[in-house]
């Protein structure tokens, strides 16, 4: 696979600026690819009393996250940097641990997924801060994604929350 960047980027950005923004997106692409696989894994392995609600709640999240990964990869290409969607690179360069649960209760999966979403959202917000002064188009894309990711986390937390607003 060629690691060479294109000699161009999107209009209005310098080539260096566009390539720097794309490099910020690469870890976000890995995180979204990891999330979609993790969500599907939880979807297949959730059991217990709340099985069907959680099982069916995850499918639309998976589809939207897949779309987000595609959107980020295409933005990177437009910026002149080849996106890397290979699993070996994801595993080698990520800074988070693999999802630990296999077959487990809905509540256990929701607690674990809540932590996954927290890390991903925090990192998306950090990327927003980095690209904001350079590329408002990419910033807007990340903001829109983060909005929906936060909503998904809220859906999960609604299952974990008691009447006083405490997460179990």
C-alpha atoms as a PDB file:
ATOM      1  CA  UNK A   1       0.000   0.000   0.000  1.00  0.00           C
ATOM      2  CA  UNK A   2       1.324   3.390  -0.950  1.00  0.00           C
ATOM      3  CA  UNK A   3       1.850   5.780   1.933  1.00  0.00           C
ATOM      4  CA  UNK A   4       2.399   8.727  -0.412  1.00  0.00           C
ATOM      5  CA  UNK A   5       0.029  11.653  -0.037  1.00  0.00           C
ATOM      6  CA  UNK A   6      -1.453  13.365  -3.074  1.00  0.00           C
ATOM      7  CA  UNK A   7       0.075  16.683  -4.116  1.00  0.00           C
ATOM      8  CA  UNK A   8      -3.272  18.421  -3.590  1.00  0.00           C
ATOM      9  CA  UNK A   9      -6.008  19.039  -1.043  1.00  0.00           C
ATOM     10  CA  UNK A  10      -9.408  20.750  -1.056  1.00  0.00           C
ATOM     11  CA  UNK A  11      -9.659  24.330  -2.332  1.00  0.00           C
ATOM     12  CA  UNK A  12      -9.063  26.952   0.326  1.00  0.00           C
ATOM     13  CA  UNK A  13      -6.578  24.910   2.368  1.00  0.00           C
ATOM     14  CA  UNK A  14      -2.857  24.656   1.929  1.00  0.00           C
ATOM     15  CA  UNK A  15      -1.634  21.209   0.963  1.00  0.00           C
ATOM     16  CA  UNK A  16       0.153  20.938   4.326  1.00  0.00           C
ATOM     17  CA  UNK A  17      -2.955  22.101   6.194  1.00  0.00           C
ATOM     18  CA  UNK A  18      -5.234  19.674   4.389  1.00  0.00           C
ATOM     19  CA  UNK A  19      -2.864  16.785   4.973  1.00  0.00           C
ATOM     20  CA  UNK A  20      -2.539  17.685   8.664  1.00  0.00           C
ATOM     21  CA  UNK A  21      -6.334  17.656   9.039  1.00  0.00           C
ATOM     22  CA  UNK A  22      -6.498  14.264   7.320  1.00  0.00           C
ATOM     23  CA  UNK A  23      -3.855  12.898   9.696  1.00  0.00           C
ATOM     24  CA  UNK A  24      -6.036  13.999  12.618  1.00  0.00           C
ATOM     25  CA  UNK A  25      -8.917  12.051  11.060  1.00  0.00           C
ATOM     26  CA  UNK A  26      -7.026   8.747  10.756  1.00  0.00           C
ATOM     27  CA  UNK A  27      -7.358   7.799  14.451  1.00  0.00           C
ATOM     28  CA  UNK A  28     -11.028   8.835  14.290  1.00  0.00           C
ATOM     29  CA  UNK A  29     -11.494   6.473  11.337  1.00  0.00           C
ATOM     30  CA  UNK A  30      -9.915   3.644  13.310  1.00  0.00           C
ATOM     31  CA  UNK A  31     -12.099   4.443  16.315  1.00  0.00           C
ATOM     32  CA  UNK A  32     -15.292   4.390  14.245  1.00  0.00           C
ATOM     33  CA  UNK A  33     -14.320   1.132  12.525  1.00  0.00           C
ATOM     34  CA  UNK A  34     -13.601  -0.364  15.941  1.00  0.00           C
ATOM     35  CA  UNK A  35     -16.903   0.951  17.312  1.00  0.00           C
ATOM     36  CA  UNK A  36     -18.997  -0.541  14.524  1.00  0.00           C
ATOM     37  CA  UNK A  37     -17.400  -3.957  15.078  1.00  0.00           C
ATOM     38  CA  UNK A  38     -17.742  -3.668  18.840  1.00  0.00           C
ATOM     39  CA  UNK A  39     -21.413  -2.719  18.560  1.00  0.00           C
ATOM     40  CA  UNK A  40     -22.090  -5.661  16.246  1.00  0.00           C
ATOM     41  CA  UNK A  41     -20.241  -7.964  18.666  1.00  0.00           C
ATOM     42  CA  UNK A  42     -22.429  -6.742  21.542  1.00  0.00           C
ATOM     43  CA  UNK A  43     -25.516  -7.108  19.327  1.00  0.00           C
ATOM     44  CA  UNK A  44     -24.679 -10.784  18.750  1.00  0.00           C
ATOM     45  CA  UNK A  45     -23.733 -11.516  22.361  1.00  0.00           C
ATOM     46  CA  UNK A  46     -26.299  -9.685  24.471  1.00  0.00           C
ATOM     47  CA  UNK A  47     -28.536 -11.943  26.561  1.00  0.00           C
ATOM     48  CA  UNK A  48     -31.036 -11.637  29.350  1.00  0.00           C
ATOM     49  CA  UNK A  49     -34.219  -9.876  30.211  1.00  0.00           C
ATOM     50  CA  UNK A  50     -33.560  -6.728  28.131  1.00  0.00           C
ATOM     51  CA  UNK A  51     -32.164  -8.677  25.189  1.00  0.00           C
ATOM     52  CA  UNK A  52     -34.536  -7.613  22.428  1.00  0.00           C
ATOM     53  CA  UNK A  53     -34.580  -3.914  23.297  1.00  0.00           C
ATOM     54  CA  UNK A  54     -30.785  -3.667  23.357  1.00  0.00           C
ATOM     55  CA  UNK A  55     -30.322  -6.009  20.385  1.00  0.00           C
ATOM     56  CA  UNK A  56     -32.642  -3.897  18.224  1.00  0.00           C
ATOM     57  CA  UNK A  57     -31.313  -0.572  19.552  1.00  0.00           C
ATOM     58  CA  UNK A  58     -27.798  -1.403  18.365  1.00  0.00           C
ATOM     59  CA  UNK A  59     -28.526  -2.050  14.667  1.00  0.00           C
ATOM     60  CA  UNK A  60     -29.315   1.574  13.699  1.00  0.00           C
ATOM     61  CA  UNK A  61     -26.241   2.701  15.638  1.00  0.00           C
ATOM     62  CA  UNK A  62     -24.067   0.239  13.738  1.00  0.00           C
ATOM     63  CA  UNK A  63     -25.350   1.446  10.379  1.00  0.00           C
ATOM     64  CA  UNK A  64     -24.864   5.107  11.212  1.00  0.00           C
ATOM     65  CA  UNK A  65     -21.350   4.526  12.590  1.00  0.00           C
ATOM     66  CA  UNK A  66     -20.453   2.615   9.393  1.00  0.00           C
ATOM     67  CA  UNK A  67     -21.597   5.640   7.447  1.00  0.00           C
ATOM     68  CA  UNK A  68     -19.506   7.942   9.641  1.00  0.00           C
ATOM     69  CA  UNK A  69     -16.399   5.855   8.970  1.00  0.00           C
ATOM     70  CA  UNK A  70     -17.059   6.069   5.236  1.00  0.00           C
ATOM     71  CA  UNK A  71     -17.626   9.827   5.489  1.00  0.00           C
ATOM     72  CA  UNK A  72     -14.327  10.329   7.329  1.00  0.00           C
ATOM     73  CA  UNK A  73     -12.394   8.142   4.892  1.00  0.00           C
ATOM     74  CA  UNK A  74     -13.813  10.011   1.921  1.00  0.00           C
ATOM     75  CA  UNK A  75     -12.951  13.348   3.545  1.00  0.00           C
ATOM     76  CA  UNK A  76      -9.378  12.152   4.061  1.00  0.00           C
ATOM     77  CA  UNK A  77      -9.180  11.202   0.385  1.00  0.00           C
ATOM     78  CA  UNK A  78     -10.513  14.611  -0.654  1.00  0.00           C
ATOM     79  CA  UNK A  79      -7.865  16.198   1.572  1.00  0.00           C
ATOM     80  CA  UNK A  80      -5.212  14.231  -0.333  1.00  0.00           C
ATOM     81  CA  UNK A  81      -4.348  11.524   2.198  1.00  0.00           C
ATOM     82  CA  UNK A  82      -5.075   7.836   1.674  1.00  0.00           C
ATOM     83  CA  UNK A  83      -7.253   6.539   4.525  1.00  0.00           C
ATOM     84  CA  UNK A  84      -6.079   3.327   6.162  1.00  0.00           C
ATOM     85  CA  UNK A  85      -8.962   1.019   6.975  1.00  0.00           C
ATOM     86  CA  UNK A  86      -6.896  -2.101   7.522  1.00  0.00           C
ATOM     87  CA  UNK A  87      -7.485  -4.005  10.762  1.00  0.00           C
ATOM     88  CA  UNK A  88      -3.781  -4.594  11.372  1.00  0.00           C
ATOM     89  CA  UNK A  89      -3.073  -0.862  11.395  1.00  0.00           C
ATOM     90  CA  UNK A  90      -6.089  -0.244  13.636  1.00  0.00           C
ATOM     91  CA  UNK A  91      -4.863  -2.769  16.207  1.00  0.00           C
ATOM     92  CA  UNK A  92      -1.243  -1.604  15.977  1.00  0.00           C
ATOM     93  CA  UNK A  93      -1.929   2.116  16.370  1.00  0.00           C
ATOM     94  CA  UNK A  94      -4.951   2.328  18.670  1.00  0.00           C
ATOM     95  CA  UNK A  95      -4.516   3.571  22.218  1.00  0.00           C
ATOM     96  CA  UNK A  96      -7.487   1.759  23.770  1.00  0.00           C
ATOM     97  CA  UNK A  97      -8.035  -1.782  24.968  1.00  0.00           C
ATOM     98  CA  UNK A  98     -10.120  -4.329  23.113  1.00  0.00           C
ATOM     99  CA  UNK A  99     -13.726  -4.785  24.243  1.00  0.00           C
ATOM    100  CA  UNK A 100     -13.684  -7.359  27.024  1.00  0.00           C
ATOM    101  CA  UNK A 101     -17.204  -8.822  27.035  1.00  0.00           C
ATOM    102  CA  UNK A 102     -18.458 -11.829  25.139  1.00  0.00           C
ATOM    103  CA  UNK A 103     -21.811 -13.367  25.974  1.00  0.00           C
ATOM    104  CA  UNK A 104     -23.138 -11.149  28.756  1.00  0.00           C
ATOM    105  CA  UNK A 105     -26.261  -9.494  30.085  1.00  0.00           C
ATOM    106  CA  UNK A 106     -27.760  -6.456  28.425  1.00  0.00           C
ATOM    107  CA  UNK A 107     -26.857  -4.332  31.422  1.00  0.00           C
ATOM    108  CA  UNK A 108     -23.229  -5.480  31.402  1.00  0.00           C
ATOM    109  CA  UNK A 109     -22.929  -4.688  27.687  1.00  0.00           C
ATOM    110  CA  UNK A 110     -24.587  -1.300  28.164  1.00  0.00           C
ATOM    111  CA  UNK A 111     -22.160  -0.393  30.958  1.00  0.00           C
ATOM    112  CA  UNK A 112     -19.190  -1.445  28.839  1.00  0.00           C
ATOM    113  CA  UNK A 113     -20.516   0.358  25.755  1.00  0.00           C
ATOM    114  CA  UNK A 114     -21.085   3.496  27.821  1.00  0.00           C
ATOM    115  CA  UNK A 115     -17.342   3.514  28.552  1.00  0.00           C
ATOM    116  CA  UNK A 116     -16.542   2.913  24.872  1.00  0.00           C
ATOM    117  CA  UNK A 117     -18.740   5.845  23.857  1.00  0.00           C
ATOM    118  CA  UNK A 118     -17.192   8.107  26.498  1.00  0.00           C
ATOM    119  CA  UNK A 119     -13.689   7.524  25.141  1.00  0.00           C
ATOM    120  CA  UNK A 120     -14.739   7.895  21.530  1.00  0.00           C
ATOM    121  CA  UNK A 121     -16.718  11.087  22.143  1.00  0.00           C
ATOM    122  CA  UNK A 122     -13.887  12.641  24.152  1.00  0.00           C
ATOM    123  CA  UNK A 123     -11.470  11.903  21.313  1.00  0.00           C
ATOM    124  CA  UNK A 124     -13.891  13.241  18.687  1.00  0.00           C
ATOM    125  CA  UNK A 125     -14.210  16.458  20.708  1.00  0.00           C
ATOM    126  CA  UNK A 126     -10.409  16.750  20.888  1.00  0.00           C
ATOM    127  CA  UNK A 127     -10.230  16.352  17.105  1.00  0.00           C
ATOM    128  CA  UNK A 128     -12.883  19.059  16.707  1.00  0.00           C
ATOM    129  CA  UNK A 129     -10.706  21.425  18.721  1.00  0.00           C
ATOM    130  CA  UNK A 130      -7.643  20.608  16.584  1.00  0.00           C
ATOM    131  CA  UNK A 131      -9.268  21.079  13.182  1.00  0.00           C
ATOM    132  CA  UNK A 132     -11.543  24.011  14.030  1.00  0.00           C
ATOM    133  CA  UNK A 133      -9.108  26.800  13.210  1.00  0.00           C
ATOM    134  CA  UNK A 134      -7.862  25.089  10.039  1.00  0.00           C
ATOM    135  CA  UNK A 135     -10.880  23.490   8.364  1.00  0.00           C
ATOM    136  CA  UNK A 136     -14.436  24.424   9.366  1.00  0.00           C
ATOM    137  CA  UNK A 137     -15.869  21.863   6.907  1.00  0.00           C
ATOM    138  CA  UNK A 138     -14.171  18.951   8.677  1.00  0.00           C
ATOM    139  CA  UNK A 139     -14.995  20.543  12.030  1.00  0.00           C
ATOM    140  CA  UNK A 140     -18.688  20.638  11.061  1.00  0.00           C
ATOM    141  CA  UNK A 141     -18.607  16.981   9.978  1.00  0.00           C
ATOM    142  CA  UNK A 142     -17.076  15.942  13.306  1.00  0.00           C
ATOM    143  CA  UNK A 143     -19.564  18.074  15.252  1.00  0.00           C
ATOM    144  CA  UNK A 144     -22.487  16.421  13.470  1.00  0.00           C
ATOM    145  CA  UNK A 145     -21.076  12.967  14.164  1.00  0.00           C
ATOM    146  CA  UNK A 146     -20.441  13.795  17.811  1.00  0.00           C
ATOM    147  CA  UNK A 147     -23.998  15.043  18.224  1.00  0.00           C
ATOM    148  CA  UNK A 148     -25.374  11.671  17.133  1.00  0.00           C
ATOM    149  CA  UNK A 149     -22.788   9.677  19.091  1.00  0.00           C
ATOM    150  CA  UNK A 150     -23.796  11.580  22.231  1.00  0.00           C
ATOM    151  CA  UNK A 151     -27.437  10.775  21.508  1.00  0.00           C
ATOM    152  CA  UNK A 152     -26.587   7.070  21.167  1.00  0.00           C
ATOM    153  CA  UNK A 153     -24.797   7.182  24.493  1.00  0.00           C
ATOM    154  CA  UNK A 154     -27.849   8.812  26.035  1.00  0.00           C
ATOM    155  CA  UNK A 155     -30.009   5.941  24.686  1.00  0.00           C
ATOM    156  CA  UNK A 156     -27.736   3.463  26.433  1.00  0.00           C
ATOM    157  CA  UNK A 157     -27.539   5.467  29.630  1.00  0.00           C
ATOM    158  CA  UNK A 158     -31.332   5.624  29.791  1.00  0.00           C
ATOM    159  CA  UNK A 159     -31.228   1.865  30.438  1.00  0.00           C
ATOM    160  CA  UNK A 160     -28.590   2.312  33.142  1.00  0.00           C
ATOM    161  CA  UNK A 161     -30.104   5.332  34.875  1.00  0.00           C
ATOM    162  CA  UNK A 162     -32.338   5.260  37.936  1.00  0.00           C
ATOM    163  CA  UNK A 163     -35.101   7.768  38.743  1.00  0.00           C
ATOM    164  CA  UNK A 164     -32.579  10.014  40.516  1.00  0.00           C
ATOM    165  CA  UNK A 165     -30.357  10.232  37.452  1.00  0.00           C
ATOM    166  CA  UNK A 166     -27.653   7.938  38.820  1.00  0.00           C
ATOM    167  CA  UNK A 167     -25.980   5.492  36.454  1.00  0.00           C
ATOM    168  CA  UNK A 168     -25.773   1.934  37.732  1.00  0.00           C
END
